[in-house]
Amino acid sequence: MLDSINTNDIMGTSTHVLPETHVHKDLFDLSLFDFDVKEVPLHYYFKTDDGVEIQHTAPKKKAIIRSDTGEFIGNHSERYKTVPHYSLYKKHAEKVQEVMPSANLEIIDQSWDNGAKARRTIHFLDHSTTVRDGDVVNLRSDIFNSLDGAWAFQTYTGAYRSLCLNTLVFGGQSMYQEKRKHTGGLSISGALGKVSNSLDVFANQSEKFKLWSNTKLEDKTVANMLGNTLCHKKSKTIELQDTKTGAVDLRNINTRLSDYLLYRYEQEQGKLGKTLWALYNAVTHWSTHTDESYERLDDKGNITNISMGRKGSSKANVQKEREIAVRDMLDSRYWQELEVA
C-alpha cells in the first residue's frame, strides 16, 4: 500500500483520447466508477550542486491515487475536497429513483484518464415531446466529476434529440444547472436535491422548442447573431474604436467558425426550414461533434477540407467548453431578440 507519491512516478503519463464507456439501464450499476481513492503526501526530489539527491514533501499539497492500483490521478492543494465518483453517482441514483421510481432509462457512463474524469448521462425515455414532423426530444441529465482538477463538479438538465444525437443545451435561466469547485463549501447532497425540478424545466423548454420551430429567420439575421455571440472575438483595441451602432465589426468575427455554423445551419434547413430551431440544432451539432470537418468552396472554385477540431485536445473538455458557449448564446440579448421577433 502506497503511503505517499513522488512526482517522478507521474512524468510521461499519457492521456486517453477515447473514454471507457458503459451503456445500460440500471441506475445502480456503478461498475465503471467502482474503485476507491485516497489522499497521500506529495513528494519531490531535489539534486544539490554536488549531486546529492534530497527528498522533500510539498507543503500544503496532496496527491490523489487509486486505492486498488496505487496509480496517480491528480495533485491538489490542501483545500481540495475529494469526491469519489462512486459515492457521487450513488447519491444521484438515489435522488432519481426517489423522484421517478419506475423510469425507463438509457444510461451512458464514461470515464477518462484512468478514472480521473467521469460523466454520467441519463436519457429519460418516457419523458419526451415532439417539436415538429416527428422530431422527438427527451429529458436528459448529465453529471460531470473529476479527481484531477480538470473539471468542476457540474450537473445540468438538458435534452436529447433522437434524429442526430445532439446535445441540446438549455439556457441558464430556463434549466437547473449547478457548477461547484472541489472545496470545503461543496455540498453534493444540496446540489442533487434539486433533481425533482427537472420535469418542470423540461415541460417549459419543450414549449420553447415548439416556438423556435415556427420562428422564421433571414440569413443576414443569422450571420449577425453568430457574429455577436459564438463567433465574436474579443479585442480591446477594436472595441475602443468608433463603429456604427448595431453593426458587426468583421475584424471581431471568427470567420472560420462562422462559415462552419452557417454551413451546418444550411444542412439543418432540409427538414427544419429557415427557423430558429434549425439554427439551434446547428450550433448544438457543433458543440457535440468536436472533430468534424467539412468541404468549403472558395471564390476560384477550389475545394478545401476544413477541420473544426483542435489537434491534441481532449474531446470531453472541448465539448464542455462548447456547451458553455452555446448556453451563453441562448442567454444573450441577441438570441432572445430572435425569440420574440
Foldseek 3Di string as FASTA:
>chain_A
DDQADEPVVCPPQDWDQFWDKDKDFDLLPPVVQPFDKDKHWYKYWDADPVGDIDIDTDPQKIWIATPVPRHTQAMDGVQFADDRPNVLSVLLSVLCCVQPVDFGWMWMWTAIRVRFKIKIKIWRVVAWDDQDDRFIKTKMKMWIDGNHQPAFTKIWIFIATVPPRFTQFAAPVLIQMDTDHRGPPDDSNVSSNCVNCRSVSVVVVSVLSNLQLPQADDLVLLLLLCLVAVFFADDPVVVPDDDDPPDRDPVGGNVLVSVQLSVQLVVLCVPRNRTSSSSSVSLRVCLQPAFDWDWDADPVRDIDIGTNHDPPDRNVSSSVVSSVSSNVSCVDVSNVVSSVD
